Each structure stands twice: as structure tokens, then as C-alpha cells.
Amino acid sequence: MQKNDNSLHPCPVGRSIKVLGGKWRLRIINEVGLEKRRFGELKRLIPDISEKMLIQELKTLVEYDILNKKSYPQIPPKVEYFLTEKGRLALPVIESFKKFGEEAL
């Protein structure tokens, strides 16, 4: 089953939560933003995430077509992550979360 298959959950909100939910995914998407980010940059920007969890969440976001991963054949290895068109659709959601956090909490 492909992760972008709408049969994952019949409700659009449920599908969104399946892809974007959890403790880390929106934070990762927020930190990538419209930039290209390397793994080490993301680790520094989100210091409370473990390396294992960051690797796992990046892999999942790539599988869901939220992030693209570009690897460069060099030593040391260089890998960059950047938002796909689908991933950019999450940015207004994040802005809404920011506004809610600033104004309501």
C-alpha cells in the first residue's frame, strides 16, 4: 500500500493527522520550511529529538512525499531535505498552529 493512498483513512482530517501528526513531524517541516536542510542542521534546530527518531521521521516524511531527499556522492556524505509541493501545503497549517500558540495559550 502506498502511503499517499486515500484509503489509509476515510476522513480528510484523519489522513492529515496520520501524515502530519505526532510530536516531531510538524516541527521538522517547520524547520525545513522553504530552505534545503542537511541532517546536522535539523538536529541542531531540534535539539530535543534523538538522532534515531529524526532519521525515522525524515524517512517517513519522504515516504509520504512531504519531503524530498537528495544525496550527493561525496565524502563525507551530503544529504539535503526540502519540501515537496505537497509538503508546502503544510506551511499554512503550521502558521495556524503558531498563531494559536501565540494568541490562545
PDB file of N, CA and C in Angstrom:
ATOM      1  N   MET A   1       0.842  -1.186   0.000  1.00  0.00           N
ATOM      2  CA  MET A   1       0.000   0.000   0.000  1.00  0.00           C
ATOM      3  C   MET A   1       0.882   1.243   0.000  1.00  0.00           C
ATOM      4  N   GLN A   2       0.579   2.188  -0.865  1.00  0.00           N
ATOM      5  CA  GLN A   2       1.312   3.441  -0.906  1.00  0.00           C
ATOM      6  C   GLN A   2       0.837   4.339   0.221  1.00  0.00           C
ATOM      7  N   LYS A   3       1.774   5.090   0.794  1.00  0.00           N
ATOM      8  CA  LYS A   3       1.421   5.939   1.918  1.00  0.00           C
ATOM      9  C   LYS A   3       0.580   7.138   1.529  1.00  0.00           C
ATOM     10  N   ASN A   4       0.537   7.489   0.260  1.00  0.00           N
ATOM     11  CA  ASN A   4      -0.292   8.616  -0.151  1.00  0.00           C
ATOM     12  C   ASN A   4      -1.672   8.159  -0.616  1.00  0.00           C
ATOM     13  N   ASP A   5      -2.002   6.910  -0.393  1.00  0.00           N
ATOM     14  CA  ASP A   5      -3.290   6.340  -0.771  1.00  0.00           C
ATOM     15  C   ASP A   5      -4.379   6.862   0.165  1.00  0.00           C
ATOM     16  N   ASN A   6      -5.476   7.407  -0.399  1.00  0.00           N
ATOM     17  CA  ASN A   6      -6.567   7.957   0.407  1.00  0.00           C
ATOM     18  C   ASN A   6      -7.301   6.907   1.210  1.00  0.00           C
ATOM     19  N   SER A   7      -7.078   5.621   0.932  1.00  0.00           N
ATOM     20  CA  SER A   7      -7.747   4.582   1.701  1.00  0.00           C
ATOM     21  C   SER A   7      -7.114   4.393   3.073  1.00  0.00           C
ATOM     22  N   LEU A   8      -6.019   5.097   3.359  1.00  0.00           N
ATOM     23  CA  LEU A   8      -5.412   5.000   4.686  1.00  0.00           C
ATOM     24  C   LEU A   8      -6.403   5.384   5.772  1.00  0.00           C
ATOM     25  N   HIS A   9      -7.233   6.357   5.496  1.00  0.00           N
ATOM     26  CA  HIS A   9      -8.237   6.813   6.440  1.00  0.00           C
ATOM     27  C   HIS A   9      -9.327   7.493   5.617  1.00  0.00           C
ATOM     28  N   PRO A  10     -10.599   7.173   5.859  1.00  0.00           N
ATOM     29  CA  PRO A  10     -11.653   7.744   5.024  1.00  0.00           C
ATOM     30  C   PRO A  10     -11.879   9.243   5.225  1.00  0.00           C
ATOM     31  N   CYS A  11     -11.498   9.776   6.349  1.00  0.00           N
ATOM     32  CA  CYS A  11     -11.733  11.183   6.682  1.00  0.00           C
ATOM     33  C   CYS A  11     -10.499  12.020   6.333  1.00  0.00           C
ATOM     34  N   PRO A  12     -10.661  13.166   5.659  1.00  0.00           N
ATOM     35  CA  PRO A  12      -9.505  14.012   5.324  1.00  0.00           C
ATOM     36  C   PRO A  12      -8.731  14.464   6.561  1.00  0.00           C
ATOM     37  N   VAL A  13      -9.433  14.740   7.656  1.00  0.00           N
ATOM     38  CA  VAL A  13      -8.738  15.141   8.882  1.00  0.00           C
ATOM     39  C   VAL A  13      -7.911  13.970   9.407  1.00  0.00           C
ATOM     40  N   GLY A  14      -8.472  12.790   9.370  1.00  0.00           N
ATOM     41  CA  GLY A  14      -7.749  11.596   9.808  1.00  0.00           C
ATOM     42  C   GLY A  14      -6.508  11.337   8.971  1.00  0.00           C
ATOM     43  N   ARG A  15      -6.641  11.517   7.647  1.00  0.00           N
ATOM     44  CA  ARG A  15      -5.478  11.338   6.758  1.00  0.00           C
ATOM     45  C   ARG A  15      -4.400  12.367   7.080  1.00  0.00           C
ATOM     46  N   SER A  16      -4.829  13.599   7.323  1.00  0.00           N
ATOM     47  CA  SER A  16      -3.864  14.659   7.650  1.00  0.00           C
ATOM     48  C   SER A  16      -3.134  14.343   8.943  1.00  0.00           C
ATOM     49  N   ILE A  17      -3.874  13.901   9.937  1.00  0.00           N
ATOM     50  CA  ILE A  17      -3.253  13.565  11.224  1.00  0.00           C
ATOM     51  C   ILE A  17      -2.302  12.388  11.060  1.00  0.00           C
ATOM     52  N   LYS A  18      -2.688  11.416  10.234  1.00  0.00           N
ATOM     53  CA  LYS A  18      -1.811  10.259  10.003  1.00  0.00           C
ATOM     54  C   LYS A  18      -0.467  10.690   9.421  1.00  0.00           C
ATOM     55  N   VAL A  19      -0.496  11.662   8.514  1.00  0.00           N
ATOM     56  CA  VAL A  19       0.732  12.104   7.853  1.00  0.00           C
ATOM     57  C   VAL A  19       1.490  13.138   8.686  1.00  0.00           C
ATOM     58  N   LEU A  20       0.781  14.098   9.277  1.00  0.00           N
ATOM     59  CA  LEU A  20       1.430  15.227   9.941  1.00  0.00           C
ATOM     60  C   LEU A  20       1.451  15.128  11.458  1.00  0.00           C
ATOM     61  N   GLY A  21       0.706  14.174  12.003  1.00  0.00           N
ATOM     62  CA  GLY A  21       0.578  14.091  13.456  1.00  0.00           C
ATOM     63  C   GLY A  21       1.839  13.593  14.137  1.00  0.00           C
ATOM     64  N   GLY A  22       1.774  13.573  15.439  1.00  0.00           N
ATOM     65  CA  GLY A  22       2.908  13.132  16.227  1.00  0.00           C
ATOM     66  C   GLY A  22       3.680  14.313  16.774  1.00  0.00           C
ATOM     67  N   LYS A  23       4.665  13.994  17.549  1.00  0.00           N
ATOM     68  CA  LYS A  23       5.429  15.017  18.265  1.00  0.00           C
ATOM     69  C   LYS A  23       6.387  15.801  17.369  1.00  0.00           C
ATOM     70  N   TRP A  24       6.875  15.189  16.294  1.00  0.00           N
ATOM     71  CA  TRP A  24       8.013  15.771  15.581  1.00  0.00           C
ATOM     72  C   TRP A  24       7.749  16.252  14.166  1.00  0.00           C
ATOM     73  N   ARG A  25       6.791  15.700  13.468  1.00  0.00           N
ATOM     74  CA  ARG A  25       6.691  15.959  12.026  1.00  0.00           C
ATOM     75  C   ARG A  25       6.451  17.421  11.686  1.00  0.00           C
ATOM     76  N   LEU A  26       5.527  18.080  12.358  1.00  0.00           N
ATOM     77  CA  LEU A  26       5.303  19.498  12.047  1.00  0.00           C
ATOM     78  C   LEU A  26       6.524  20.340  12.399  1.00  0.00           C
ATOM     79  N   ARG A  27       7.220  19.965  13.461  1.00  0.00           N
ATOM     80  CA  ARG A  27       8.441  20.711  13.808  1.00  0.00           C
ATOM     81  C   ARG A  27       9.508  20.543  12.736  1.00  0.00           C
ATOM     82  N   ILE A  28       9.642  19.340  12.218  1.00  0.00           N
ATOM     83  CA  ILE A  28      10.621  19.108  11.145  1.00  0.00           C
ATOM     84  C   ILE A  28      10.238  19.905   9.906  1.00  0.00           C
ATOM     85  N   ILE A  29       8.965  19.828   9.519  1.00  0.00           N
ATOM     86  CA  ILE A  29       8.505  20.568   8.338  1.00  0.00           C
ATOM     87  C   ILE A  29       8.726  22.063   8.539  1.00  0.00           C
ATOM     88  N   ASN A  30       8.437  22.554   9.728  1.00  0.00           N
ATOM     89  CA  ASN A  30       8.646  23.970  10.044  1.00  0.00           C
ATOM     90  C   ASN A  30      10.111  24.359   9.901  1.00  0.00           C
ATOM     91  N   GLU A  31      11.000  23.533  10.397  1.00  0.00           N
ATOM     92  CA  GLU A  31      12.433  23.864  10.330  1.00  0.00           C
ATOM     93  C   GLU A  31      12.985  23.757   8.910  1.00  0.00           C
ATOM     94  N   VAL A  32      12.449  22.856   8.118  1.00  0.00           N
ATOM     95  CA  VAL A  32      12.879  22.788   6.717  1.00  0.00           C
ATOM     96  C   VAL A  32      12.345  24.014   5.990  1.00  0.00           C
ATOM     97  N   GLY A  33      11.054  24.312   6.187  1.00  0.00           N
ATOM     98  CA  GLY A  33      10.459  25.492   5.557  1.00  0.00           C
ATOM     99  C   GLY A  33      10.735  25.522   4.071  1.00  0.00           C
ATOM    100  N   LEU A  34      11.120  26.663   3.567  1.00  0.00           N
ATOM    101  CA  LEU A  34      11.407  26.804   2.141  1.00  0.00           C
ATOM    102  C   LEU A  34      12.895  26.648   1.838  1.00  0.00           C
ATOM    103  N   GLU A  35      13.651  26.205   2.825  1.00  0.00           N
ATOM    104  CA  GLU A  35      15.097  26.014   2.682  1.00  0.00           C
ATOM    105  C   GLU A  35      15.410  24.566   2.317  1.00  0.00           C
ATOM    106  N   LYS A  36      16.652  24.330   1.969  1.00  0.00           N
ATOM    107  CA  LYS A  36      17.201  22.976   1.915  1.00  0.00           C
ATOM    108  C   LYS A  36      17.970  22.798   3.214  1.00  0.00           C
ATOM    109  N   ARG A  37      17.714  21.719   3.903  1.00  0.00           N
ATOM    110  CA  ARG A  37      18.367  21.483   5.195  1.00  0.00           C
ATOM    111  C   ARG A  37      19.089  20.149   5.191  1.00  0.00           C
ATOM    112  N   ARG A  38      20.253  20.158   5.801  1.00  0.00           N
ATOM    113  CA  ARG A  38      21.003  18.930   5.994  1.00  0.00           C
ATOM    114  C   ARG A  38      20.625  18.327   7.339  1.00  0.00           C
ATOM    115  N   PHE A  39      20.913  17.045   7.477  1.00  0.00           N
ATOM    116  CA  PHE A  39      20.557  16.323   8.697  1.00  0.00           C
ATOM    117  C   PHE A  39      21.103  17.025   9.935  1.00  0.00           C
ATOM    118  N   GLY A  40      22.377  17.390   9.901  1.00  0.00           N
ATOM    119  CA  GLY A  40      23.012  18.040  11.055  1.00  0.00           C
ATOM    120  C   GLY A  40      22.345  19.357  11.420  1.00  0.00           C
ATOM    121  N   GLU A  41      21.920  20.112  10.416  1.00  0.00           N
ATOM    122  CA  GLU A  41      21.206  21.364  10.683  1.00  0.00           C
ATOM    123  C   GLU A  41      19.905  21.086  11.417  1.00  0.00           C
ATOM    124  N   LEU A  42      19.169  20.094  10.943  1.00  0.00           N
ATOM    125  CA  LEU A  42      17.898  19.760  11.580  1.00  0.00           C
ATOM    126  C   LEU A  42      18.114  19.291  13.015  1.00  0.00           C
ATOM    127  N   LYS A  43      19.154  18.524  13.224  1.00  0.00           N
ATOM    128  CA  LYS A  43      19.464  18.050  14.585  1.00  0.00           C
ATOM    129  C   LYS A  43      19.764  19.236  15.498  1.00  0.00           C
ATOM    130  N   ARG A  44      20.485  20.228  14.996  1.00  0.00           N
ATOM    131  CA  ARG A  44      20.786  21.422  15.805  1.00  0.00           C
ATOM    132  C   ARG A  44      19.532  22.267  16.041  1.00  0.00           C
ATOM    133  N   LEU A  45      18.662  22.342  15.040  1.00  0.00           N
ATOM    134  CA  LEU A  45      17.458  23.163  15.153  1.00  0.00           C
ATOM    135  C   LEU A  45      16.398  22.520  16.053  1.00  0.00           C
ATOM    136  N   ILE A  46      16.439  21.198  16.182  1.00  0.00           N
ATOM    137  CA  ILE A  46      15.503  20.473  17.042  1.00  0.00           C
ATOM    138  C   ILE A  46      16.337  19.619  18.002  1.00  0.00           C
ATOM    139  N   PRO A  47      16.991  20.245  18.975  1.00  0.00           N
ATOM    140  CA  PRO A  47      17.958  19.516  19.805  1.00  0.00           C
ATOM    141  C   PRO A  47      17.346  18.434  20.699  1.00  0.00           C
ATOM    142  N   ASP A  48      16.038  18.521  20.979  1.00  0.00           N
ATOM    143  CA  ASP A  48      15.443  17.534  21.875  1.00  0.00           C
ATOM    144  C   ASP A  48      14.974  16.262  21.160  1.00  0.00           C
ATOM    145  N   ILE A  49      15.172  16.150  19.841  1.00  0.00           N
ATOM    146  CA  ILE A  49      14.845  14.916  19.130  1.00  0.00           C
ATOM    147  C   ILE A  49      16.091  14.036  19.086  1.00  0.00           C
ATOM    148  N   SER A  50      15.908  12.737  19.281  1.00  0.00           N
ATOM    149  CA  SER A  50      17.049  11.827  19.197  1.00  0.00           C
ATOM    150  C   SER A  50      17.432  11.633  17.729  1.00  0.00           C
ATOM    151  N   GLU A  51      18.655  11.252  17.512  1.00  0.00           N
ATOM    152  CA  GLU A  51      19.126  11.025  16.146  1.00  0.00           C
ATOM    153  C   GLU A  51      18.309   9.921  15.481  1.00  0.00           C
ATOM    154  N   LYS A  52      18.037   8.862  16.220  1.00  0.00           N
ATOM    155  CA  LYS A  52      17.256   7.745  15.691  1.00  0.00           C
ATOM    156  C   LYS A  52      15.856   8.205  15.281  1.00  0.00           C
ATOM    157  N   MET A  53      15.210   9.000  16.113  1.00  0.00           N
ATOM    158  CA  MET A  53      13.858   9.470  15.815  1.00  0.00           C
ATOM    159  C   MET A  53      13.872  10.423  14.621  1.00  0.00           C
ATOM    160  N   LEU A  54      14.876  11.289  14.542  1.00  0.00           N
ATOM    161  CA  LEU A  54      14.968  12.205  13.405  1.00  0.00           C
ATOM    162  C   LEU A  54      15.116  11.427  12.101  1.00  0.00           C
ATOM    163  N   ILE A  55      15.973  10.424  12.099  1.00  0.00           N
ATOM    164  CA  ILE A  55      16.156   9.587  10.912  1.00  0.00           C
ATOM    165  C   ILE A  55      14.832   8.930  10.529  1.00  0.00           C
ATOM    166  N   GLN A  56      14.146   8.371  11.522  1.00  0.00           N
ATOM    167  CA  GLN A  56      12.877   7.677  11.281  1.00  0.00           C
ATOM    168  C   GLN A  56      11.816   8.632  10.729  1.00  0.00           C
ATOM    169  N   GLU A  57      11.697   9.809  11.329  1.00  0.00           N
ATOM    170  CA  GLU A  57      10.671  10.760  10.888  1.00  0.00           C
ATOM    171  C   GLU A  57      10.996  11.333   9.507  1.00  0.00           C
ATOM    172  N   LEU A  58      12.257  11.599   9.225  1.00  0.00           N
ATOM    173  CA  LEU A  58      12.636  12.071   7.891  1.00  0.00           C
ATOM    174  C   LEU A  58      12.288  11.019   6.838  1.00  0.00           C
ATOM    175  N   LYS A  59      12.587   9.770   7.142  1.00  0.00           N
ATOM    176  CA  LYS A  59      12.274   8.685   6.218  1.00  0.00           C
ATOM    177  C   LYS A  59      10.768   8.610   5.968  1.00  0.00           C
ATOM    178  N   THR A  60       9.976   8.721   7.018  1.00  0.00           N
ATOM    179  CA  THR A  60       8.519   8.668   6.881  1.00  0.00           C
ATOM    180  C   THR A  60       8.003   9.843   6.058  1.00  0.00           C
ATOM    181  N   LEU A  61       8.521  11.038   6.315  1.00  0.00           N
ATOM    182  CA  LEU A  61       8.080  12.217   5.563  1.00  0.00           C
ATOM    183  C   LEU A  61       8.456  12.113   4.088  1.00  0.00           C
ATOM    184  N   VAL A  62       9.576  11.485   3.790  1.00  0.00           N
ATOM    185  CA  VAL A  62       9.953  11.242   2.391  1.00  0.00           C
ATOM    186  C   VAL A  62       8.980  10.232   1.777  1.00  0.00           C
ATOM    187  N   GLU A  63       8.647   9.170   2.521  1.00  0.00           N
ATOM    188  CA  GLU A  63       7.712   8.159   2.009  1.00  0.00           C
ATOM    189  C   GLU A  63       6.331   8.753   1.743  1.00  0.00           C
ATOM    190  N   TYR A  64       5.905   9.699   2.567  1.00  0.00           N
ATOM    191  CA  TYR A  64       4.612  10.355   2.382  1.00  0.00           C
ATOM    192  C   TYR A  64       4.669  11.470   1.335  1.00  0.00           C
ATOM    193  N   ASP A  65       5.828  11.672   0.718  1.00  0.00           N
ATOM    194  CA  ASP A  65       6.023  12.700  -0.308  1.00  0.00           C
ATOM    195  C   ASP A  65       5.820  14.108   0.261  1.00  0.00           C
ATOM    196  N   ILE A  66       6.200  14.299   1.511  1.00  0.00           N
ATOM    197  CA  ILE A  66       6.191  15.619   2.141  1.00  0.00           C
ATOM    198  C   ILE A  66       7.569  16.262   1.966  1.00  0.00           C
ATOM    199  N   LEU A  67       8.606  15.449   2.068  1.00  0.00           N
ATOM    200  CA  LEU A  67       9.982  15.896   1.870  1.00  0.00           C
ATOM    201  C   LEU A  67      10.605  15.148   0.705  1.00  0.00           C
ATOM    202  N   ASN A  68      11.535  15.808   0.039  1.00  0.00           N
ATOM    203  CA  ASN A  68      12.429  15.159  -0.910  1.00  0.00           C
ATOM    204  C   ASN A  68      13.786  15.027  -0.239  1.00  0.00           C
ATOM    205  N   LYS A  69      14.490  13.983  -0.605  1.00  0.00           N
ATOM    206  CA  LYS A  69      15.836  13.750  -0.084  1.00  0.00           C
ATOM    207  C   LYS A  69      16.778  13.688  -1.276  1.00  0.00           C
ATOM    208  N   LYS A  70      17.812  14.505  -1.215  1.00  0.00           N
ATOM    209  CA  LYS A  70      18.809  14.494  -2.288  1.00  0.00           C
ATOM    210  C   LYS A  70      20.154  14.123  -1.684  1.00  0.00           C
ATOM    211  N   SER A  71      20.744  13.055  -2.197  1.00  0.00           N
ATOM    212  CA  SER A  71      22.043  12.586  -1.731  1.00  0.00           C
ATOM    213  C   SER A  71      23.102  12.943  -2.759  1.00  0.00           C
ATOM    214  N   TYR A  72      24.234  13.416  -2.273  1.00  0.00           N
ATOM    215  CA  TYR A  72      25.360  13.763  -3.138  1.00  0.00           C
ATOM    216  C   TYR A  72      26.452  12.726  -2.944  1.00  0.00           C
ATOM    217  N   PRO A  73      27.017  12.206  -4.033  1.00  0.00           N
ATOM    218  CA  PRO A  73      28.061  11.173  -3.923  1.00  0.00           C
ATOM    219  C   PRO A  73      29.420  11.804  -3.594  1.00  0.00           C
ATOM    220  N   GLN A  74      29.625  12.077  -2.340  1.00  0.00           N
ATOM    221  CA  GLN A  74      30.893  12.671  -1.901  1.00  0.00           C
ATOM    222  C   GLN A  74      31.228  12.141  -0.518  1.00  0.00           C
ATOM    223  N   ILE A  75      32.434  12.417  -0.103  1.00  0.00           N
ATOM    224  CA  ILE A  75      32.870  12.021   1.233  1.00  0.00           C
ATOM    225  C   ILE A  75      33.317  13.269   1.954  1.00  0.00           C
ATOM    226  N   PRO A  76      32.765  13.587   3.134  1.00  0.00           N
ATOM    227  CA  PRO A  76      31.695  12.839   3.809  1.00  0.00           C
ATOM    228  C   PRO A  76      30.388  12.980   3.053  1.00  0.00           C
ATOM    229  N   PRO A  77      29.474  12.021   3.255  1.00  0.00           N
ATOM    230  CA  PRO A  77      28.202  12.068   2.538  1.00  0.00           C
ATOM    231  C   PRO A  77      27.440  13.358   2.819  1.00  0.00           C
ATOM    232  N   LYS A  78      26.794  13.864   1.801  1.00  0.00           N
ATOM    233  CA  LYS A  78      25.978  15.060   1.944  1.00  0.00           C
ATOM    234  C   LYS A  78      24.559  14.705   1.509  1.00  0.00           C
ATOM    235  N   VAL A  79      23.607  14.969   2.399  1.00  0.00           N
ATOM    236  CA  VAL A  79      22.199  14.702   2.121  1.00  0.00           C
ATOM    237  C   VAL A  79      21.422  15.959   2.476  1.00  0.00           C
ATOM    238  N   GLU A  80      20.547  16.384   1.574  1.00  0.00           N
ATOM    239  CA  GLU A  80      19.693  17.546   1.815  1.00  0.00           C
ATOM    240  C   GLU A  80      18.234  17.128   1.749  1.00  0.00           C
ATOM    241  N   TYR A  81      17.437  17.778   2.585  1.00  0.00           N
ATOM    242  CA  TYR A  81      15.991  17.574   2.602  1.00  0.00           C
ATOM    243  C   TYR A  81      15.324  18.889   2.254  1.00  0.00           C
ATOM    244  N   PHE A  82      14.255  18.808   1.475  1.00  0.00           N
ATOM    245  CA  PHE A  82      13.487  20.001   1.136  1.00  0.00           C
ATOM    246  C   PHE A  82      12.042  19.598   0.898  1.00  0.00           C
ATOM    247  N   LEU A  83      11.139  20.559   1.067  1.00  0.00           N
ATOM    248  CA  LEU A  83       9.715  20.278   0.950  1.00  0.00           C
ATOM    249  C   LEU A  83       9.309  20.041  -0.499  1.00  0.00           C
ATOM    250  N   THR A  84       8.406  19.095  -0.678  1.00  0.00           N
ATOM    251  CA  THR A  84       7.769  18.881  -1.971  1.00  0.00           C
ATOM    252  C   THR A  84       6.618  19.879  -2.081  1.00  0.00           C
ATOM    253  N   GLU A  85       5.946  19.876  -3.220  1.00  0.00           N
ATOM    254  CA  GLU A  85       4.753  20.728  -3.356  1.00  0.00           C
ATOM    255  C   GLU A  85       3.717  20.348  -2.303  1.00  0.00           C
ATOM    256  N   LYS A  86       3.537  19.054  -2.094  1.00  0.00           N
ATOM    257  CA  LYS A  86       2.596  18.596  -1.074  1.00  0.00           C
ATOM    258  C   LYS A  86       3.051  19.059   0.309  1.00  0.00           C
ATOM    259  N   GLY A  87       4.333  19.001   0.572  1.00  0.00           N
ATOM    260  CA  GLY A  87       4.861  19.445   1.855  1.00  0.00           C
ATOM    261  C   GLY A  87       4.633  20.924   2.102  1.00  0.00           C
ATOM    262  N   ARG A  88       4.729  21.730   1.042  1.00  0.00           N
ATOM    263  CA  ARG A  88       4.496  23.171   1.184  1.00  0.00           C
ATOM    264  C   ARG A  88       3.060  23.477   1.602  1.00  0.00           C
ATOM    265  N   LEU A  89       2.144  22.568   1.290  1.00  0.00           N
ATOM    266  CA  LEU A  89       0.749  22.756   1.711  1.00  0.00           C
ATOM    267  C   LEU A  89       0.607  22.726   3.232  1.00  0.00           C
ATOM    268  N   ALA A  90       1.578  22.158   3.922  1.00  0.00           N
ATOM    269  CA  ALA A  90       1.532  22.094   5.388  1.00  0.00           C
ATOM    270  C   ALA A  90       1.970  23.404   6.039  1.00  0.00           C
ATOM    271  N   LEU A  91       2.635  24.274   5.307  1.00  0.00           N
ATOM    272  CA  LEU A  91       3.147  25.515   5.913  1.00  0.00           C
ATOM    273  C   LEU A  91       2.037  26.412   6.470  1.00  0.00           C
ATOM    274  N   PRO A  92       0.915  26.608   5.768  1.00  0.00           N
ATOM    275  CA  PRO A  92      -0.162  27.403   6.376  1.00  0.00           C
ATOM    276  C   PRO A  92      -0.747  26.746   7.630  1.00  0.00           C
ATOM    277  N   VAL A  93      -0.753  25.423   7.665  1.00  0.00           N
ATOM    278  CA  VAL A  93      -1.208  24.707   8.870  1.00  0.00           C
ATOM    279  C   VAL A  93      -0.289  25.058  10.033  1.00  0.00           C
ATOM    280  N   ILE A  94       1.005  25.063   9.779  1.00  0.00           N
ATOM    281  CA  ILE A  94       1.980  25.392  10.816  1.00  0.00           C
ATOM    282  C   ILE A  94       1.814  26.833  11.256  1.00  0.00           C
ATOM    283  N   GLU A  95       1.569  27.732  10.313  1.00  0.00           N
ATOM    284  CA  GLU A  95       1.335  29.137  10.674  1.00  0.00           C
ATOM    285  C   GLU A  95       0.115  29.261  11.574  1.00  0.00           C
ATOM    286  N   SER A  96      -0.930  28.484  11.289  1.00  0.00           N
ATOM    287  CA  SER A  96      -2.122  28.487  12.146  1.00  0.00           C
ATOM    288  C   SER A  96      -1.785  27.985  13.548  1.00  0.00           C
ATOM    289  N   PHE A  97      -0.964  26.949  13.636  1.00  0.00           N
ATOM    290  CA  PHE A  97      -0.528  26.441  14.938  1.00  0.00           C
ATOM    291  C   PHE A  97       0.259  27.514  15.695  1.00  0.00           C
ATOM    292  N   LYS A  98       1.144  28.204  14.982  1.00  0.00           N
ATOM    293  CA  LYS A  98       1.931  29.271  15.619  1.00  0.00           C
ATOM    294  C   LYS A  98       1.014  30.358  16.171  1.00  0.00           C
ATOM    295  N   LYS A  99       0.056  30.789  15.349  1.00  0.00           N
ATOM    296  CA  LYS A  99      -0.866  31.832  15.768  1.00  0.00           C
ATOM    297  C   LYS A  99      -1.683  31.381  16.980  1.00  0.00           C
ATOM    298  N   PHE A 100      -2.152  30.152  16.944  1.00  0.00           N
ATOM    299  CA  PHE A 100      -2.905  29.616  18.084  1.00  0.00           C
ATOM    300  C   PHE A 100      -2.032  29.613  19.338  1.00  0.00           C
ATOM    301  N   GLY A 101      -0.782  29.159  19.193  1.00  0.00           N
ATOM    302  CA  GLY A 101       0.124  29.111  20.339  1.00  0.00           C
ATOM    303  C   GLY A 101       0.460  30.488  20.903  1.00  0.00           C
ATOM    304  N   GLU A 102       0.533  31.482  20.035  1.00  0.00           N
ATOM    305  CA  GLU A 102       0.835  32.848  20.485  1.00  0.00           C
ATOM    306  C   GLU A 102      -0.386  33.524  21.127  1.00  0.00           C
ATOM    307  N   GLU A 103      -1.549  33.285  20.537  1.00  0.00           N
ATOM    308  CA  GLU A 103      -2.730  34.049  20.969  1.00  0.00           C
ATOM    309  C   GLU A 103      -3.613  33.325  21.976  1.00  0.00           C
ATOM    310  N   ALA A 104      -3.686  32.027  21.894  1.00  0.00           N
ATOM    311  CA  ALA A 104      -4.653  31.308  22.718  1.00  0.00           C
ATOM    312  C   ALA A 104      -4.045  30.650  23.947  1.00  0.00           C
ATOM    313  N   LEU A 105      -2.743  30.454  23.961  1.00  0.00           N
ATOM    314  CA  LEU A 105      -2.153  29.724  25.093  1.00  0.00           C
ATOM    315  C   LEU A 105      -1.260  30.617  25.943  1.00  0.00           C
TER     316      LEU A 105
END
